[in-house]
Protein backbone atom coordinates (compact mmCIF):
# COMPACT_ATOMS: atom_id res chain seq x y z
CA UNK A 1 -16.03 -27.49 39.99
CA UNK A 2 -18.48 -26.28 37.37
CA UNK A 3 -19.12 -22.59 37.24
CA UNK A 4 -22.69 -21.40 37.67
CA UNK A 5 -24.27 -20.74 34.26
CA UNK A 6 -26.05 -17.41 34.01
CA UNK A 7 -29.48 -16.94 32.46
CA UNK A 8 -28.00 -14.66 29.79
CA UNK A 9 -25.62 -17.41 28.66
CA UNK A 10 -28.51 -19.87 28.39
CA UNK A 11 -30.59 -17.40 26.37
CA UNK A 12 -27.75 -16.62 23.97
CA UNK A 13 -27.03 -20.34 23.58
CA UNK A 14 -30.66 -21.14 22.77
CA UNK A 15 -30.71 -18.24 20.29
CA UNK A 16 -27.60 -19.51 18.50
CA UNK A 17 -29.07 -23.03 18.27
CA UNK A 18 -32.30 -21.55 16.88
CA UNK A 19 -30.48 -19.55 14.21
CA UNK A 20 -28.34 -22.52 13.16
CA UNK A 21 -31.40 -24.76 13.00
CA UNK A 22 -33.24 -22.21 10.86
CA UNK A 23 -30.27 -21.94 8.49
CA UNK A 24 -30.16 -25.73 8.19
CA UNK A 25 -33.89 -25.89 7.42
CA UNK A 26 -33.59 -23.15 4.79
CA UNK A 27 -30.64 -24.96 3.23
CA UNK A 28 -32.72 -28.13 3.04
CA UNK A 29 -35.45 -26.19 1.23
CA UNK A 30 -33.35 -24.50 -1.44
CA UNK A 31 -30.91 -27.39 -2.04
CA UNK A 32 -32.03 -30.53 -3.85
CA UNK A 33 -29.71 -33.50 -4.14
CA UNK A 34 -29.31 -34.51 -7.81
CA UNK A 35 -29.34 -38.08 -9.03
CA UNK A 36 -25.89 -39.60 -8.58
CA UNK A 37 -26.23 -42.20 -11.36
CA UNK A 38 -27.48 -40.41 -14.50
CA UNK A 39 -27.66 -43.64 -16.50
CA UNK A 40 -29.48 -45.57 -13.79
CA UNK A 41 -33.17 -46.41 -13.64
CA UNK A 42 -33.71 -44.32 -10.51
CA UNK A 43 -33.15 -40.97 -12.28
CA UNK A 44 -35.95 -38.82 -13.68
CA UNK A 45 -34.81 -36.92 -16.79
CA UNK A 46 -36.31 -33.54 -17.81
CA UNK A 47 -38.59 -33.60 -20.83
CA UNK A 48 -37.20 -30.19 -21.81
CA UNK A 49 -33.77 -31.72 -22.41
CA UNK A 50 -35.05 -32.98 -25.77
CA UNK A 51 -35.95 -29.38 -26.76
CA UNK A 52 -39.53 -30.08 -27.86
CA UNK A 53 -41.67 -27.49 -29.64
CA UNK A 54 -44.04 -26.11 -27.04
CA UNK A 55 -46.99 -23.75 -26.94
CA UNK A 56 -48.40 -21.71 -24.08
CA UNK A 57 -52.19 -21.36 -24.04
CA UNK A 58 -54.25 -19.48 -21.46
CA UNK A 59 -58.01 -19.91 -21.13
CA UNK A 60 -60.59 -18.33 -18.86
CA UNK A 61 -63.54 -20.12 -17.26
CA UNK A 62 -66.15 -19.36 -14.63
CA UNK A 63 -65.29 -22.69 -12.97
CA UNK A 64 -61.91 -24.20 -12.08
CA UNK A 65 -62.36 -26.70 -14.92
CA UNK A 66 -63.64 -26.73 -18.48
CA UNK A 67 -67.18 -27.68 -17.48
CA UNK A 68 -68.22 -24.03 -17.20
CA UNK A 69 -67.03 -23.21 -20.71
CA UNK A 70 -63.63 -21.84 -21.62
CA UNK A 71 -62.37 -18.98 -23.74
CA UNK A 72 -58.87 -18.58 -25.17
CA UNK A 73 -57.40 -15.22 -24.18
CA UNK A 74 -53.73 -15.64 -25.13
CA UNK A 75 -51.31 -18.11 -26.71
CA UNK A 76 -47.60 -18.21 -27.47
CA UNK A 77 -47.24 -20.49 -30.49
CA UNK A 78 -43.43 -20.54 -30.49
CA UNK A 79 -42.98 -20.74 -26.74
CA UNK A 80 -39.34 -20.75 -25.64
CA UNK A 81 -39.01 -21.59 -21.96
CA UNK A 82 -35.69 -19.73 -21.76
CA UNK A 83 -37.08 -16.43 -23.10
CA UNK A 84 -38.64 -13.99 -20.69
CA UNK A 85 -41.65 -11.97 -21.89
CA UNK A 86 -44.48 -9.76 -20.69
CA UNK A 87 -47.78 -9.30 -22.50
CA UNK A 88 -50.63 -6.87 -21.83
CA UNK A 89 -54.02 -8.12 -23.02
CA UNK A 90 -57.67 -7.23 -22.48
CA UNK A 91 -59.92 -9.93 -21.06
CA UNK A 92 -63.68 -9.93 -21.64
CA UNK A 93 -65.67 -10.63 -18.49
CA UNK A 94 -68.69 -12.96 -18.48
CA UNK A 95 -71.96 -11.70 -17.03
CA UNK A 96 -71.62 -13.94 -13.98
CA UNK A 97 -68.24 -12.43 -13.17
CA UNK A 98 -69.58 -8.90 -13.55
CA UNK A 99 -72.36 -9.78 -11.10
CA UNK A 100 -69.92 -10.31 -8.24
CA UNK A 101 -68.82 -13.71 -9.55
CA UNK A 102 -65.44 -15.37 -10.03
CA UNK A 103 -63.24 -16.06 -13.03
CA UNK A 104 -60.45 -18.62 -13.38
CA UNK A 105 -57.44 -18.86 -15.65
CA UNK A 106 -56.29 -22.25 -16.98
CA UNK A 107 -52.66 -22.17 -18.09
CA UNK A 108 -51.49 -24.95 -20.43
CA UNK A 109 -48.01 -25.84 -21.67
CA UNK A 110 -48.38 -28.39 -24.46
CA UNK A 111 -47.01 -29.49 -27.81
CA UNK A 112 -47.15 -26.85 -30.52
CA UNK A 113 -49.91 -27.33 -33.06
CA UNK A 114 -51.92 -29.64 -30.80
CA UNK A 115 -54.95 -28.68 -28.75
CA UNK A 116 -54.16 -28.94 -25.04
CA UNK A 117 -57.20 -31.17 -24.47
CA UNK A 118 -55.78 -33.68 -26.99
CA UNK A 119 -52.16 -33.64 -25.77
CA UNK A 120 -51.43 -36.44 -23.25
CA UNK A 121 -48.17 -34.71 -22.30
CA UNK A 122 -49.54 -31.32 -21.39
CA UNK A 123 -49.19 -29.66 -18.02
CA UNK A 124 -51.66 -27.15 -16.69
CA UNK A 125 -52.48 -25.15 -13.60
CA UNK A 126 -55.59 -23.27 -12.53
CA UNK A 127 -55.65 -19.97 -10.68
CA UNK A 128 -58.16 -17.29 -9.82
CA UNK A 129 -58.22 -14.04 -11.73
CA UNK A 130 -60.66 -12.56 -9.20
CA UNK A 131 -60.76 -12.28 -5.44
CA UNK A 132 -63.22 -10.90 -2.91
CA UNK A 133 -62.24 -7.82 -0.97
CA UNK A 134 -64.11 -5.92 1.72
CA UNK A 135 -64.68 -2.26 0.83
CA UNK A 136 -62.38 0.21 2.50
CA UNK A 137 -64.01 1.57 5.69
CA UNK A 138 -65.18 5.16 5.18
CA UNK A 139 -63.37 7.90 7.06
CA UNK A 140 -65.04 10.84 8.74
CA UNK A 141 -63.78 14.08 10.22
CA UNK A 142 -64.80 14.88 13.77
CA UNK A 143 -65.36 18.54 12.83
CA UNK A 144 -66.55 18.49 9.22
CA UNK A 145 -68.51 15.25 9.51
CA UNK A 146 -69.17 13.12 6.44
CA UNK A 147 -68.31 14.21 2.95
CA UNK A 148 -70.74 14.09 0.02
CA UNK A 149 -69.29 10.89 -1.36
CA UNK A 150 -69.84 9.12 1.94
CA UNK A 151 -73.42 10.38 2.19
CA UNK A 152 -74.16 9.10 -1.32
CA UNK A 153 -72.63 5.77 -0.37
CA UNK A 154 -74.85 5.53 2.71
CA UNK A 155 -77.93 6.32 0.62
CA UNK A 156 -77.00 3.66 -1.91
CA UNK A 157 -76.48 1.01 0.79
CA UNK A 158 -79.63 1.86 2.71
CA UNK A 159 -78.23 3.70 5.73
CA UNK A 160 -75.99 2.83 8.63
CA UNK A 161 -77.71 -0.43 9.49
CA UNK A 162 -77.16 -2.01 6.07
CA UNK A 163 -74.46 -4.66 5.93
CA UNK A 164 -71.83 -4.16 3.25
CA UNK A 165 -71.02 -7.12 0.99
CA UNK A 166 -67.52 -7.90 -0.29
CA UNK A 167 -67.15 -7.16 -3.96
CA UNK A 168 -65.20 -9.03 -6.61
CA UNK A 169 -61.83 -7.52 -7.59
CA UNK A 170 -59.72 -8.20 -10.65
CA UNK A 171 -56.15 -9.44 -10.34
CA UNK A 172 -54.39 -7.50 -13.03
CA UNK A 173 -51.21 -9.62 -13.03
CA UNK A 174 -50.59 -13.26 -13.91
CA UNK A 175 -47.02 -14.38 -13.25
CA UNK A 176 -45.85 -17.71 -14.70
CA UNK A 177 -42.60 -19.57 -14.11
CA UNK A 178 -41.01 -22.75 -15.45
CA UNK A 179 -37.90 -24.53 -14.21
CA UNK A 180 -35.69 -24.45 -17.30
CA UNK A 181 -32.57 -26.08 -15.88
CA UNK A 182 -31.80 -29.70 -16.84
CA UNK A 183 -31.96 -31.19 -13.36
CA UNK A 184 -31.95 -34.95 -12.78
CA UNK A 185 -34.20 -35.95 -9.90
CA UNK A 186 -33.65 -39.05 -7.83
CA UNK A 187 -36.99 -40.87 -7.69
CA UNK A 188 -36.09 -42.25 -4.25
CA UNK A 189 -35.39 -38.76 -2.85
CA UNK A 190 -37.99 -36.63 -4.61
CA UNK A 191 -38.97 -33.54 -2.54
CA UNK A 192 -42.61 -33.54 -1.55
CA UNK A 193 -43.11 -29.89 -2.56
CA UNK A 194 -41.86 -30.54 -6.11
CA UNK A 195 -43.85 -33.76 -6.26
CA UNK A 196 -47.09 -31.78 -6.31
CA UNK A 197 -46.12 -29.99 -9.52
CA UNK A 198 -44.51 -32.93 -11.31
CA UNK A 199 -45.96 -35.21 -13.98
CA UNK A 200 -43.89 -38.17 -15.10
CA UNK A 201 -44.12 -40.55 -18.04
CA UNK A 202 -42.08 -43.58 -19.13
CA UNK A 203 -40.36 -43.87 -22.49
CA UNK A 204 -38.69 -47.25 -22.73
CA UNK A 205 -36.62 -47.79 -19.62
CA UNK A 206 -36.19 -44.09 -18.96
CA UNK A 207 -38.44 -41.86 -16.91
CA UNK A 208 -39.10 -38.24 -17.90
CA UNK A 209 -40.82 -35.40 -16.09
CA UNK A 210 -42.80 -32.74 -17.90
CA UNK A 211 -42.04 -29.01 -17.47
CA UNK A 212 -42.47 -27.77 -13.89
CA UNK A 213 -45.07 -25.03 -14.35
CA UNK A 214 -45.63 -22.65 -11.46
CA UNK A 215 -48.06 -19.73 -10.94
CA UNK A 216 -46.64 -17.12 -8.61
CA UNK A 217 -49.48 -16.24 -6.22
CA UNK A 218 -47.18 -14.04 -4.12
CA UNK A 219 -47.09 -11.49 -6.95
CA UNK A 220 -50.83 -10.83 -6.56
CA UNK A 221 -50.79 -7.68 -4.47
CA UNK A 222 -53.66 -5.61 -3.10
CA UNK A 223 -52.37 -2.50 -4.88
CA UNK A 224 -52.88 -4.24 -8.26
CA UNK A 225 -56.54 -5.14 -7.62
CA UNK A 226 -59.27 -3.46 -9.66
CA UNK A 227 -62.90 -3.40 -8.57
CA UNK A 228 -65.38 -5.16 -10.88
CA UNK A 229 -68.88 -3.80 -11.41
CA UNK A 230 -71.78 -4.67 -13.71
CA UNK A 231 -70.69 -2.13 -16.33
CA UNK A 232 -67.16 -3.51 -16.65
CA UNK A 233 -67.00 -5.28 -20.02
CA UNK A 234 -63.26 -6.02 -20.09
CA UNK A 235 -60.20 -5.46 -17.95
CA UNK A 236 -56.46 -5.46 -18.64
CA UNK A 237 -54.29 -8.41 -17.65
CA UNK A 238 -50.49 -8.39 -17.61
CA UNK A 239 -49.03 -11.84 -18.31
CA UNK A 240 -45.42 -12.17 -17.17
CA UNK A 241 -43.23 -15.18 -17.77
CA UNK A 242 -39.71 -15.93 -16.59
CA UNK A 243 -37.60 -18.94 -15.73
CA UNK A 244 -37.13 -19.89 -12.10
CA UNK A 245 -34.39 -21.80 -10.35
CA UNK A 246 -35.33 -25.05 -8.65
CA UNK A 247 -34.22 -23.79 -5.23
CA UNK A 248 -36.29 -20.62 -5.55
CA UNK A 249 -39.27 -22.65 -6.76
CA UNK A 250 -39.21 -24.80 -3.62
CA UNK A 251 -38.79 -21.72 -1.44
CA UNK A 252 -41.71 -19.97 -3.17
CA UNK A 253 -43.95 -23.04 -2.72
CA UNK A 254 -43.26 -23.06 1.02
CA UNK A 255 -43.92 -19.33 1.29
CA UNK A 256 -47.25 -19.59 -0.54
CA UNK A 257 -48.31 -22.39 1.77
CA UNK A 258 -47.26 -20.32 4.78
CA UNK A 259 -49.29 -17.31 3.63
CA UNK A 260 -52.35 -19.49 3.11
CA UNK A 261 -51.91 -21.03 6.58
CA UNK A 262 -51.76 -17.58 8.14
CA UNK A 263 -55.01 -16.64 6.41
CA UNK A 264 -56.61 -19.79 7.82
CA UNK A 265 -55.55 -18.65 11.31
CA UNK A 266 -57.38 -15.35 10.87
CA UNK A 267 -54.83 -13.08 9.18
CA UNK A 268 -56.54 -10.50 6.99
CA UNK A 269 -55.86 -9.82 3.32
CA UNK A 270 -53.90 -6.75 4.40
CA UNK A 271 -51.64 -8.80 6.68
CA UNK A 272 -51.11 -11.39 3.96
CA UNK A 273 -50.28 -8.64 1.46
CA UNK A 274 -47.64 -7.21 3.81
CA UNK A 275 -46.07 -10.65 4.12
CA UNK A 276 -46.12 -11.05 0.34
CA UNK A 277 -44.37 -7.70 0.01
CA UNK A 278 -41.53 -8.96 2.18
CA UNK A 279 -40.74 -11.72 -0.33
CA UNK A 280 -41.72 -10.08 -3.62
CA UNK A 281 -40.30 -6.58 -3.14
CA UNK A 282 -37.08 -7.69 -1.43
CA UNK A 283 -33.97 -9.37 -2.76
CA UNK A 284 -33.52 -12.85 -1.30
CA UNK A 285 -30.07 -12.01 0.09
CA UNK A 286 -31.42 -8.87 1.70
CA UNK A 287 -34.34 -10.94 2.99
CA UNK A 288 -31.91 -13.32 4.69
CA UNK A 289 -30.18 -10.32 6.25
CA UNK A 290 -33.57 -9.04 7.42
CA UNK A 291 -34.22 -12.37 9.11
CA UNK A 292 -30.99 -12.15 11.09
CA UNK A 293 -31.71 -8.53 12.03
CA UNK A 294 -35.21 -9.46 13.23
CA UNK A 295 -33.85 -12.41 15.20
CA UNK A 296 -31.19 -10.27 16.89
CA UNK A 297 -33.85 -7.61 17.53
CA UNK A 298 -35.89 -10.14 19.51
CA UNK A 299 -32.78 -11.29 21.39
CA UNK A 300 -31.77 -7.76 22.37
CA UNK A 301 -35.36 -6.96 23.37
CA UNK A 302 -35.43 -9.96 25.67
CA UNK A 303 -32.04 -9.14 27.20
CA UNK A 304 -33.11 -5.51 27.68
CA UNK A 305 -36.27 -6.65 29.48
CA UNK A 306 -34.20 -9.00 31.65
CA UNK A 307 -31.71 -6.28 32.65
CA UNK A 308 -34.48 -3.74 33.27
CA UNK A 309 -36.34 -6.14 35.55
CA UNK A 310 -33.14 -7.10 37.36
CA UNK A 311 -32.27 -3.42 37.97
CA UNK A 312 -35.70 -2.42 39.29
CA UNK A 313 -36.11 -5.60 41.30
CA UNK A 314 -33.22 -4.60 43.57
CA UNK A 315 -34.10 -0.89 43.54
CA UNK A 316 -35.01 0.20 47.09
CA UNK A 317 -34.72 3.98 46.82
CA UNK A 318 -35.68 6.59 44.21
CA UNK A 319 -32.87 9.00 45.12
CA UNK A 320 -31.59 10.69 41.96
CA UNK A 321 -34.39 9.26 39.79
CA UNK A 322 -37.53 10.98 38.48
CA UNK A 323 -40.77 9.33 39.58
CA UNK A 324 -42.82 11.50 37.23
CA UNK A 325 -40.66 10.45 34.28
CA UNK A 326 -41.40 6.82 35.12
CA UNK A 327 -45.12 7.61 35.25
CA UNK A 328 -45.13 9.46 31.91
CA UNK A 329 -43.07 6.70 30.30
CA UNK A 330 -45.64 4.16 31.47
CA UNK A 331 -48.48 6.25 30.06
CA UNK A 332 -46.80 6.78 26.68
CA UNK A 333 -45.83 3.11 26.37
CA UNK A 334 -49.41 1.99 26.96
CA UNK A 335 -50.70 4.53 24.40
CA UNK A 336 -48.20 3.28 21.82
CA UNK A 337 -49.18 -0.33 22.51
CA UNK A 338 -52.90 0.44 22.08
CA UNK A 339 -52.15 2.29 18.82
CA UNK A 340 -50.15 -0.67 17.46
CA UNK A 341 -52.94 -3.00 18.53
CA UNK A 342 -55.55 -0.89 16.73
CA UNK A 343 -53.42 -0.76 13.57
CA UNK A 344 -53.03 -4.57 13.65
CA UNK A 345 -49.27 -4.31 13.61
CA UNK A 346 -47.06 -7.35 13.16
CA UNK A 347 -46.72 -9.59 16.21
CA UNK A 348 -42.95 -9.11 15.96
CA UNK A 349 -43.52 -5.52 17.14
CA UNK A 350 -46.75 -5.92 19.09
CA UNK A 351 -45.61 -8.61 21.55
CA UNK A 352 -42.46 -6.76 22.74
CA UNK A 353 -44.55 -3.57 23.05
CA UNK A 354 -47.09 -5.39 25.22
CA UNK A 355 -44.40 -6.89 27.45
CA UNK A 356 -42.77 -3.48 27.76
CA UNK A 357 -46.09 -1.95 28.85
CA UNK A 358 -46.47 -4.51 31.64
CA UNK A 359 -42.93 -3.85 32.82
CA UNK A 360 -43.56 -0.09 32.88
CA UNK A 361 -46.68 -0.60 35.02
CA UNK A 362 -44.61 -2.68 37.43
CA UNK A 363 -41.94 0.03 37.52
CA UNK A 364 -44.57 2.64 38.48
CA UNK A 365 -45.59 0.41 41.36
CA UNK A 366 -41.96 0.23 42.49
CA UNK A 367 -41.26 3.96 42.00
CA UNK A 368 -44.29 5.16 43.99
CA UNK A 369 -43.99 2.35 46.56
CA UNK A 370 -47.49 1.10 45.93
CA UNK A 371 -48.56 -1.97 47.87
CA UNK A 372 -51.73 -3.93 47.20
CA UNK A 373 -53.49 -5.41 50.22
CA UNK A 374 -56.46 -7.67 49.63
CA UNK A 375 -59.33 -7.60 52.07
CA UNK A 376 -61.52 -10.35 50.77
CA UNK A 377 -62.24 -9.57 47.12
CA UNK A 378 -61.58 -5.81 47.49
CA UNK A 379 -58.02 -4.55 46.89
CA UNK A 380 -56.60 -1.62 48.86
CA UNK A 381 -53.63 0.42 47.68
CA UNK A 382 -51.11 1.60 50.24
CA UNK A 383 -48.31 4.08 49.54
CA UNK A 384 -44.97 3.89 51.31
CA UNK A 385 -43.22 6.88 52.87
CA UNK A 386 -40.27 8.73 51.33
CA UNK A 387 -37.15 9.63 53.24
CA UNK A 388 -35.46 13.03 53.27
CA UNK A 389 -33.20 12.31 50.27
CA UNK A 390 -36.13 11.12 48.17
CA UNK A 391 -38.16 14.23 49.07
CA UNK A 392 -35.32 16.48 47.85
CA UNK A 393 -35.21 14.48 44.62
CA UNK A 394 -38.97 14.99 44.21
CA UNK A 395 -38.55 18.75 44.60
CA UNK A 396 -35.98 18.86 41.81
CA UNK A 397 -38.20 16.56 39.78
CA UNK A 398 -41.21 18.87 40.18
CA UNK A 399 -39.13 21.91 39.20
CA UNK A 400 -37.87 20.16 36.05
CA UNK A 401 -41.37 19.04 35.08
CA UNK A 402 -42.63 22.60 35.59
CA UNK A 403 -40.23 24.01 32.99
CA UNK A 404 -40.82 21.02 30.70
CA UNK A 405 -44.58 21.62 30.83
CA UNK A 406 -44.10 25.06 29.21
CA UNK A 407 -43.12 23.19 26.03
CA UNK A 408 -45.09 19.99 26.51
CA UNK A 409 -48.61 21.38 27.03
CA UNK A 410 -48.68 23.64 23.92
CA UNK A 411 -47.44 20.74 21.78
CA UNK A 412 -50.11 18.40 23.15
CA UNK A 413 -52.91 20.94 22.67
CA UNK A 414 -51.70 21.85 19.19
CA UNK A 415 -51.47 18.21 18.15
CA UNK A 416 -54.97 17.50 19.46
CA UNK A 417 -56.45 20.48 17.59
CA UNK A 418 -54.69 19.49 14.37
CA UNK A 419 -55.95 15.90 14.63
CA UNK A 420 -59.47 17.13 15.37
CA UNK A 421 -59.60 19.36 12.30
CA UNK A 422 -57.54 17.62 9.62
CA UNK A 423 -57.26 13.91 10.50
CA UNK A 424 -60.04 11.57 9.40
CA UNK A 425 -60.93 8.50 11.42
CA UNK A 426 -62.31 5.14 10.47
CA UNK A 427 -66.02 4.57 10.78
CA UNK A 428 -67.04 1.10 11.90
CA UNK A 429 -68.88 -0.90 9.25
CA UNK A 430 -70.47 -4.33 9.51
CA UNK A 431 -69.38 -6.64 6.70
CA UNK A 432 -71.12 -9.79 5.57
CA UNK A 433 -69.25 -12.41 3.53
CA UNK A 434 -71.42 -14.52 1.23
CA UNK A 435 -71.00 -18.28 1.07
CA UNK A 436 -69.66 -18.26 -2.48
CA UNK A 437 -66.89 -15.87 -1.37
CA UNK A 438 -65.73 -18.09 1.47
CA UNK A 439 -65.76 -21.15 -0.76
CA UNK A 440 -63.10 -19.58 -2.95
CA UNK A 441 -60.61 -19.95 -0.09
CA UNK A 442 -61.05 -23.71 -0.21
CA UNK A 443 -60.65 -23.67 -3.97
CA UNK A 444 -57.45 -21.67 -3.57
CA UNK A 445 -56.03 -24.32 -1.25
CA UNK A 446 -56.91 -27.00 -3.79
CA UNK A 447 -55.06 -25.11 -6.49
CA UNK A 448 -52.03 -24.47 -4.27
CA UNK A 449 -51.80 -28.11 -3.23
CA UNK A 450 -52.08 -29.11 -6.87
CA UNK A 451 -54.87 -31.65 -6.38
CA UNK A 452 -57.15 -29.93 -8.90
CA UNK A 453 -54.47 -29.42 -11.50
CA UNK A 454 -52.49 -32.70 -11.40
CA UNK A 455 -54.19 -35.93 -12.29
CA UNK A 456 -51.38 -37.98 -10.78
CA UNK A 457 -47.65 -38.49 -10.78
CA UNK A 458 -47.60 -40.93 -13.66
CA UNK A 459 -49.33 -40.59 -17.02
């Protein structure tokens, strides 16, 4: 006969299947099958294998194309794709950009000595050098009130009722990558993510693909942004270049798409920046370890909830247990959940905290023997009676709470006074996003998908 399968076994089994499936998906992202017949017609050979003389040129424009005028800000005449470099330059800002406008960078990799507009075998990408950010909400002290800087800001914006507009910020870093390895692609098994960045041309019977140029949007962090005003004539820009492995390129493309999708679902720039920090500031091997730790954290949370519910479900008496401790634990859990909700914490932490708060409320109902009786649409709360053993436990519980209050109350009062005097709190501000700011999100998706930078697969 088959033994009865427990719920814990099913949960652990589903978790193992989920982890194995995730590992398989990640392996499919970072591993690309090479062409098995290098001399066949189905292979796409890298253009860089012939070691051509290349040049890197970077232009700025107020539009994502050359129609709005372009200005050369940097070029590497003897550009070696295998050599890493970092350049710090100053970029002059057009008047439109200084008036809360946008500015784009057009990055070209083309033949040395030839203008990129005249080179049929050039590759280029377009990215934004500016982004719109909402001003940081002002903070006020409950005792001291507003500081002088805040009062001047209110006077300049016309008072409390004036809506604050997002302002243009400068992205001070531009990170470029090229796949330098001589990888042979199979045209019948070309990954869709690489396809967006690939341009191919025919030379005789052979097919070549131009350098895979990639702009790392994940490196654009909020901490590197600089506010642009009408008096800003030029701003510094750090141009970083390095080679990138094909597997990492595919992984980075998927991550950039995921960050953009989260922003479309309502994630703020701050949330997106935290997600970027996970990938940019962390080693990939450590990131994989973090994934497993987070997955096991969710599993253990779920099993802990299951065991807690199972224990309290069969609990009939509160002998030897503190009812007041259950009540205080419920109160503190709800406060922590509301704090995490106000701070817009990650859902990985917020959802377990919310479930834990509901369980604590249910445990209070069990501990104090509260019964809800509905009379029509009006609920009535009834309290059950305690036996002699439970009353003795409550006496010991009250005595313990009495001594604990000698330490607890001074700490609570002291913490409240400290927060009242020294801690500043956010003041609510109404923000208004102009139409030209929201349109940049659509332009960003166009640049990420490659539709504005690639004219087609074949040239």
